[in-house]
């Protein structure tokens, strides 16, 4: 009986996550409402709080799914028998492509804010390294002099540079590059960064 109850709860949670993901994908994070989620999932409004603590947790669950898909996309983009620079270019291109194809769910990863004084739970915090995981290996070849902590910090800096250009472009900020030029401009940025990173040059 306990196993059946646990399975029903897991199924309901998955339906809630799928519904929330679809709403965010279609309407954006700002338009996510608990009533819409439960209606789409086919259950009572109060049922949402039997599987997640609140709407913030549900959003984090959706973001977890997006981070997982992004991790797969970046891993799949890794070229075989490529130089570190070629790998960095391929990863940046994959990141741009994912952001353009999944704009609303991708944006939710970075725009969701918990209430003041609330910490991001450790289970969710542990999922964010996927953003830099694939950068570390090619970066370690470009900068073999860096210690592990320094390497991770540099990988975060490289990611932040690429992400900043992508975010400004997608959200139409006044300094953002046009979307149709985004891929080329990110490629140029990565080219400039890898030239500066390569200790052999």
C-alpha atoms as a PDB file:
ATOM      1  CA  UNK A   1       0.000   0.000   0.000  1.00  0.00           C
ATOM      2  CA  UNK A   2       2.809   2.416   0.896  1.00  0.00           C
ATOM      3  CA  UNK A   3       4.539   1.720  -2.418  1.00  0.00           C
ATOM      4  CA  UNK A   4       1.331   2.401  -4.327  1.00  0.00           C
ATOM      5  CA  UNK A   5       0.790   5.659  -2.450  1.00  0.00           C
ATOM      6  CA  UNK A   6       4.381   6.726  -3.103  1.00  0.00           C
ATOM      7  CA  UNK A   7       4.010   5.910  -6.802  1.00  0.00           C
ATOM      8  CA  UNK A   8       0.822   7.955  -7.062  1.00  0.00           C
ATOM      9  CA  UNK A   9       2.554  10.872  -5.376  1.00  0.00           C
ATOM     10  CA  UNK A  10       5.505  10.601  -7.761  1.00  0.00           C
ATOM     11  CA  UNK A  11       3.188  10.434 -10.770  1.00  0.00           C
ATOM     12  CA  UNK A  12       1.327  13.525  -9.571  1.00  0.00           C
ATOM     13  CA  UNK A  13       4.599  15.389  -9.016  1.00  0.00           C
ATOM     14  CA  UNK A  14       5.733  14.537 -12.534  1.00  0.00           C
ATOM     15  CA  UNK A  15       2.421  15.731 -13.988  1.00  0.00           C
ATOM     16  CA  UNK A  16       2.797  18.990 -12.078  1.00  0.00           C
ATOM     17  CA  UNK A  17       6.349  19.456 -13.325  1.00  0.00           C
ATOM     18  CA  UNK A  18       5.328  18.712 -16.914  1.00  0.00           C
ATOM     19  CA  UNK A  19       2.407  21.130 -16.677  1.00  0.00           C
ATOM     20  CA  UNK A  20       4.541  23.888 -15.161  1.00  0.00           C
ATOM     21  CA  UNK A  21       7.239  23.361 -17.774  1.00  0.00           C
ATOM     22  CA  UNK A  22       4.700  23.649 -20.578  1.00  0.00           C
ATOM     23  CA  UNK A  23       3.226  26.841 -19.133  1.00  0.00           C
ATOM     24  CA  UNK A  24       6.652  28.421 -18.656  1.00  0.00           C
ATOM     25  CA  UNK A  25       7.633  27.376 -22.169  1.00  0.00           C
ATOM     26  CA  UNK A  26       4.520  28.945 -23.690  1.00  0.00           C
ATOM     27  CA  UNK A  27       3.953  31.987 -21.471  1.00  0.00           C
ATOM     28  CA  UNK A  28       7.136  32.613 -19.488  1.00  0.00           C
ATOM     29  CA  UNK A  29       7.933  32.291 -15.801  1.00  0.00           C
ATOM     30  CA  UNK A  30       6.067  35.473 -14.813  1.00  0.00           C
ATOM     31  CA  UNK A  31       2.786  33.945 -15.969  1.00  0.00           C
ATOM     32  CA  UNK A  32       3.080  30.696 -13.998  1.00  0.00           C
ATOM     33  CA  UNK A  33       0.153  30.318 -11.584  1.00  0.00           C
ATOM     34  CA  UNK A  34      -0.623  27.391  -9.299  1.00  0.00           C
ATOM     35  CA  UNK A  35      -4.242  27.315 -10.494  1.00  0.00           C
ATOM     36  CA  UNK A  36      -3.150  26.928 -14.116  1.00  0.00           C
ATOM     37  CA  UNK A  37      -0.687  24.183 -13.212  1.00  0.00           C
ATOM     38  CA  UNK A  38      -3.250  22.091 -11.353  1.00  0.00           C
ATOM     39  CA  UNK A  39      -5.874  22.643 -14.041  1.00  0.00           C
ATOM     40  CA  UNK A  40      -3.483  21.428 -16.711  1.00  0.00           C
ATOM     41  CA  UNK A  41      -2.356  18.517 -14.541  1.00  0.00           C
ATOM     42  CA  UNK A  42      -5.988  17.555 -13.963  1.00  0.00           C
ATOM     43  CA  UNK A  43      -6.140  17.810 -10.184  1.00  0.00           C
ATOM     44  CA  UNK A  44      -7.455  20.017  -7.390  1.00  0.00           C
ATOM     45  CA  UNK A  45      -5.666  23.255  -6.562  1.00  0.00           C
ATOM     46  CA  UNK A  46      -4.603  22.052  -3.120  1.00  0.00           C
ATOM     47  CA  UNK A  47      -3.013  18.923  -4.583  1.00  0.00           C
ATOM     48  CA  UNK A  48       0.067  20.892  -5.609  1.00  0.00           C
ATOM     49  CA  UNK A  49       1.083  21.250  -1.972  1.00  0.00           C
ATOM     50  CA  UNK A  50       0.980  17.500  -1.405  1.00  0.00           C
ATOM     51  CA  UNK A  51       3.917  16.958  -3.775  1.00  0.00           C
ATOM     52  CA  UNK A  52       5.949  20.184  -3.473  1.00  0.00           C
ATOM     53  CA  UNK A  53       6.362  22.673  -0.647  1.00  0.00           C
ATOM     54  CA  UNK A  54       5.335  25.663  -2.750  1.00  0.00           C
ATOM     55  CA  UNK A  55       5.406  27.149  -6.245  1.00  0.00           C
ATOM     56  CA  UNK A  56       9.078  28.033  -5.829  1.00  0.00           C
ATOM     57  CA  UNK A  57       9.989  24.379  -5.414  1.00  0.00           C
ATOM     58  CA  UNK A  58       7.936  23.489  -8.490  1.00  0.00           C
ATOM     59  CA  UNK A  59       9.848  26.105 -10.496  1.00  0.00           C
ATOM     60  CA  UNK A  60      13.137  24.682  -9.244  1.00  0.00           C
ATOM     61  CA  UNK A  61      11.998  21.213 -10.333  1.00  0.00           C
ATOM     62  CA  UNK A  62      11.301  22.574 -13.812  1.00  0.00           C
ATOM     63  CA  UNK A  63      14.674  24.315 -13.825  1.00  0.00           C
ATOM     64  CA  UNK A  64      16.279  21.007 -12.871  1.00  0.00           C
ATOM     65  CA  UNK A  65      14.775  19.430 -15.982  1.00  0.00           C
ATOM     66  CA  UNK A  66      16.031  22.305 -18.122  1.00  0.00           C
ATOM     67  CA  UNK A  67      19.527  22.081 -16.640  1.00  0.00           C
ATOM     68  CA  UNK A  68      19.552  18.349 -17.345  1.00  0.00           C
ATOM     69  CA  UNK A  69      18.544  18.894 -20.983  1.00  0.00           C
ATOM     70  CA  UNK A  70      21.149  21.626 -21.332  1.00  0.00           C
ATOM     71  CA  UNK A  71      23.807  19.319 -19.920  1.00  0.00           C
ATOM     72  CA  UNK A  72      22.915  16.669 -22.488  1.00  0.00           C
ATOM     73  CA  UNK A  73      23.000  19.243 -25.302  1.00  0.00           C
ATOM     74  CA  UNK A  74      26.457  20.467 -24.264  1.00  0.00           C
ATOM     75  CA  UNK A  75      27.806  16.946 -23.870  1.00  0.00           C
ATOM     76  CA  UNK A  76      26.420  15.897 -27.248  1.00  0.00           C
ATOM     77  CA  UNK A  77      28.090  18.931 -28.841  1.00  0.00           C
ATOM     78  CA  UNK A  78      31.578  17.789 -27.843  1.00  0.00           C
ATOM     79  CA  UNK A  79      33.495  17.136 -31.082  1.00  0.00           C
ATOM     80  CA  UNK A  80      35.708  14.083 -31.412  1.00  0.00           C
ATOM     81  CA  UNK A  81      39.449  14.498 -31.915  1.00  0.00           C
ATOM     82  CA  UNK A  82      39.154  18.272 -31.667  1.00  0.00           C
ATOM     83  CA  UNK A  83      41.543  20.840 -30.279  1.00  0.00           C
ATOM     84  CA  UNK A  84      40.633  22.590 -27.012  1.00  0.00           C
ATOM     85  CA  UNK A  85      39.765  25.738 -28.958  1.00  0.00           C
ATOM     86  CA  UNK A  86      37.465  23.845 -31.320  1.00  0.00           C
ATOM     87  CA  UNK A  87      35.766  22.250 -28.328  1.00  0.00           C
ATOM     88  CA  UNK A  88      35.210  25.629 -26.681  1.00  0.00           C
ATOM     89  CA  UNK A  89      33.686  26.969 -29.894  1.00  0.00           C
ATOM     90  CA  UNK A  90      31.404  23.930 -30.191  1.00  0.00           C
ATOM     91  CA  UNK A  91      30.223  24.287 -26.592  1.00  0.00           C
ATOM     92  CA  UNK A  92      29.489  27.987 -27.025  1.00  0.00           C
ATOM     93  CA  UNK A  93      27.542  27.316 -30.223  1.00  0.00           C
ATOM     94  CA  UNK A  94      25.521  24.615 -28.475  1.00  0.00           C
ATOM     95  CA  UNK A  95      24.761  27.000 -25.611  1.00  0.00           C
ATOM     96  CA  UNK A  96      23.559  29.688 -27.994  1.00  0.00           C
ATOM     97  CA  UNK A  97      21.424  27.172 -29.864  1.00  0.00           C
ATOM     98  CA  UNK A  98      19.829  25.842 -26.679  1.00  0.00           C
ATOM     99  CA  UNK A  99      19.063  29.344 -25.389  1.00  0.00           C
ATOM    100  CA  UNK A 100      17.456  30.370 -28.676  1.00  0.00           C
ATOM    101  CA  UNK A 101      15.401  27.193 -28.962  1.00  0.00           C
ATOM    102  CA  UNK A 102      14.307  27.101 -25.307  1.00  0.00           C
ATOM    103  CA  UNK A 103      14.260  30.781 -24.441  1.00  0.00           C
ATOM    104  CA  UNK A 104      11.563  30.874 -21.773  1.00  0.00           C
ATOM    105  CA  UNK A 105      12.622  27.758 -19.863  1.00  0.00           C
ATOM    106  CA  UNK A 106      16.303  28.707 -20.215  1.00  0.00           C
ATOM    107  CA  UNK A 107      15.550  32.207 -18.891  1.00  0.00           C
ATOM    108  CA  UNK A 108      13.699  30.745 -15.912  1.00  0.00           C
ATOM    109  CA  UNK A 109      16.933  29.158 -14.670  1.00  0.00           C
ATOM    110  CA  UNK A 110      18.467  32.584 -14.162  1.00  0.00           C
ATOM    111  CA  UNK A 111      15.423  34.778 -13.444  1.00  0.00           C
ATOM    112  CA  UNK A 112      13.788  32.748 -10.682  1.00  0.00           C
ATOM    113  CA  UNK A 113      14.371  34.288  -7.260  1.00  0.00           C
ATOM    114  CA  UNK A 114      13.522  32.764  -3.910  1.00  0.00           C
ATOM    115  CA  UNK A 115      12.039  34.974  -1.177  1.00  0.00           C
ATOM    116  CA  UNK A 116      14.576  37.040   0.729  1.00  0.00           C
ATOM    117  CA  UNK A 117      16.257  35.025   3.446  1.00  0.00           C
ATOM    118  CA  UNK A 118      15.562  31.679   1.738  1.00  0.00           C
ATOM    119  CA  UNK A 119      18.555  29.677   0.554  1.00  0.00           C
ATOM    120  CA  UNK A 120      18.615  27.585  -2.593  1.00  0.00           C
ATOM    121  CA  UNK A 121      18.310  23.961  -1.434  1.00  0.00           C
ATOM    122  CA  UNK A 122      21.454  21.892  -1.740  1.00  0.00           C
ATOM    123  CA  UNK A 123      19.823  19.365  -4.099  1.00  0.00           C
ATOM    124  CA  UNK A 124      19.181  22.165  -6.601  1.00  0.00           C
ATOM    125  CA  UNK A 125      22.463  23.988  -6.038  1.00  0.00           C
ATOM    126  CA  UNK A 126      24.272  20.737  -6.872  1.00  0.00           C
ATOM    127  CA  UNK A 127      22.740  20.742 -10.358  1.00  0.00           C
ATOM    128  CA  UNK A 128      24.223  24.041 -11.514  1.00  0.00           C
ATOM    129  CA  UNK A 129      27.805  22.855 -12.165  1.00  0.00           C
ATOM    130  CA  UNK A 130      26.458  21.326 -15.396  1.00  0.00           C
ATOM    131  CA  UNK A 131      26.809  24.848 -16.816  1.00  0.00           C
ATOM    132  CA  UNK A 132      30.599  24.664 -16.634  1.00  0.00           C
ATOM    133  CA  UNK A 133      31.271  20.916 -16.472  1.00  0.00           C
ATOM    134  CA  UNK A 134      32.200  20.499 -20.136  1.00  0.00           C
ATOM    135  CA  UNK A 135      34.316  23.672 -20.205  1.00  0.00           C
ATOM    136  CA  UNK A 136      36.810  22.437 -17.628  1.00  0.00           C
ATOM    137  CA  UNK A 137      38.554  19.772 -19.731  1.00  0.00           C
ATOM    138  CA  UNK A 138      39.407  21.919 -22.781  1.00  0.00           C
ATOM    139  CA  UNK A 139      40.209  24.811 -20.484  1.00  0.00           C
ATOM    140  CA  UNK A 140      42.645  22.632 -18.533  1.00  0.00           C
ATOM    141  CA  UNK A 141      44.484  21.960 -21.788  1.00  0.00           C
ATOM    142  CA  UNK A 142      44.651  25.654 -22.608  1.00  0.00           C
ATOM    143  CA  UNK A 143      45.744  26.522 -19.067  1.00  0.00           C
ATOM    144  CA  UNK A 144      47.616  23.537 -17.601  1.00  0.00           C
ATOM    145  CA  UNK A 145      49.214  25.910 -15.095  1.00  0.00           C
ATOM    146  CA  UNK A 146      45.965  26.478 -13.211  1.00  0.00           C
ATOM    147  CA  UNK A 147      45.208  24.607 -10.008  1.00  0.00           C
ATOM    148  CA  UNK A 148      41.778  22.883  -9.770  1.00  0.00           C
ATOM    149  CA  UNK A 149      40.137  25.726  -7.830  1.00  0.00           C
ATOM    150  CA  UNK A 150      41.601  28.309 -10.194  1.00  0.00           C
ATOM    151  CA  UNK A 151      40.473  26.250 -13.180  1.00  0.00           C
ATOM    152  CA  UNK A 152      36.895  26.084 -11.917  1.00  0.00           C
ATOM    153  CA  UNK A 153      36.880  29.826 -11.272  1.00  0.00           C
ATOM    154  CA  UNK A 154      38.210  30.524 -14.769  1.00  0.00           C
ATOM    155  CA  UNK A 155      35.568  28.207 -16.257  1.00  0.00           C
ATOM    156  CA  UNK A 156      32.907  30.212 -14.404  1.00  0.00           C
ATOM    157  CA  UNK A 157      34.351  33.416 -15.852  1.00  0.00           C
ATOM    158  CA  UNK A 158      34.326  32.041 -19.396  1.00  0.00           C
ATOM    159  CA  UNK A 159      30.739  30.853 -18.975  1.00  0.00           C
ATOM    160  CA  UNK A 160      29.683  34.213 -17.527  1.00  0.00           C
ATOM    161  CA  UNK A 161      31.159  36.064 -20.496  1.00  0.00           C
ATOM    162  CA  UNK A 162      29.314  33.923 -23.043  1.00  0.00           C
ATOM    163  CA  UNK A 163      26.112  33.865 -21.011  1.00  0.00           C
ATOM    164  CA  UNK A 164      26.123  37.634 -20.627  1.00  0.00           C
ATOM    165  CA  UNK A 165      26.252  38.190 -24.377  1.00  0.00           C
ATOM    166  CA  UNK A 166      23.504  35.625 -24.948  1.00  0.00           C
ATOM    167  CA  UNK A 167      21.261  37.031 -22.235  1.00  0.00           C
ATOM    168  CA  UNK A 168      21.597  40.640 -23.367  1.00  0.00           C
ATOM    169  CA  UNK A 169      20.814  39.656 -26.939  1.00  0.00           C
ATOM    170  CA  UNK A 170      17.832  37.439 -26.173  1.00  0.00           C
ATOM    171  CA  UNK A 171      16.247  39.924 -23.797  1.00  0.00           C
ATOM    172  CA  UNK A 172      16.738  42.782 -26.229  1.00  0.00           C
ATOM    173  CA  UNK A 173      18.841  45.007 -24.014  1.00  0.00           C
ATOM    174  CA  UNK A 174      20.117  48.146 -25.684  1.00  0.00           C
ATOM    175  CA  UNK A 175      23.707  46.863 -25.839  1.00  0.00           C
ATOM    176  CA  UNK A 176      22.683  43.366 -26.929  1.00  0.00           C
ATOM    177  CA  UNK A 177      23.708  42.146 -30.362  1.00  0.00           C
ATOM    178  CA  UNK A 178      20.907  41.330 -32.833  1.00  0.00           C
ATOM    179  CA  UNK A 179      19.694  37.751 -32.536  1.00  0.00           C
ATOM    180  CA  UNK A 180      20.607  36.938 -36.113  1.00  0.00           C
ATOM    181  CA  UNK A 181      24.211  37.909 -35.335  1.00  0.00           C
ATOM    182  CA  UNK A 182      24.378  36.286 -31.893  1.00  0.00           C
ATOM    183  CA  UNK A 183      26.012  33.008 -32.939  1.00  0.00           C
ATOM    184  CA  UNK A 184      28.710  34.794 -34.938  1.00  0.00           C
ATOM    185  CA  UNK A 185      29.436  37.297 -32.179  1.00  0.00           C
ATOM    186  CA  UNK A 186      29.697  34.592 -29.517  1.00  0.00           C
ATOM    187  CA  UNK A 187      32.022  32.673 -31.813  1.00  0.00           C
ATOM    188  CA  UNK A 188      34.190  35.787 -32.134  1.00  0.00           C
ATOM    189  CA  UNK A 189      34.144  36.251 -28.352  1.00  0.00           C
ATOM    190  CA  UNK A 190      35.253  32.655 -27.754  1.00  0.00           C
ATOM    191  CA  UNK A 191      37.988  33.090 -30.346  1.00  0.00           C
ATOM    192  CA  UNK A 192      39.283  36.158 -28.507  1.00  0.00           C
ATOM    193  CA  UNK A 193      39.060  34.448 -25.109  1.00  0.00           C
ATOM    194  CA  UNK A 194      40.824  31.267 -26.184  1.00  0.00           C
ATOM    195  CA  UNK A 195      43.640  33.232 -27.752  1.00  0.00           C
ATOM    196  CA  UNK A 196      44.123  34.959 -24.427  1.00  0.00           C
ATOM    197  CA  UNK A 197      43.837  31.715 -22.462  1.00  0.00           C
ATOM    198  CA  UNK A 198      46.294  29.670 -24.483  1.00  0.00           C
ATOM    199  CA  UNK A 199      49.632  29.828 -22.695  1.00  0.00           C
ATOM    200  CA  UNK A 200      51.292  28.423 -25.776  1.00  0.00           C
ATOM    201  CA  UNK A 201      50.675  31.593 -27.751  1.00  0.00           C
END
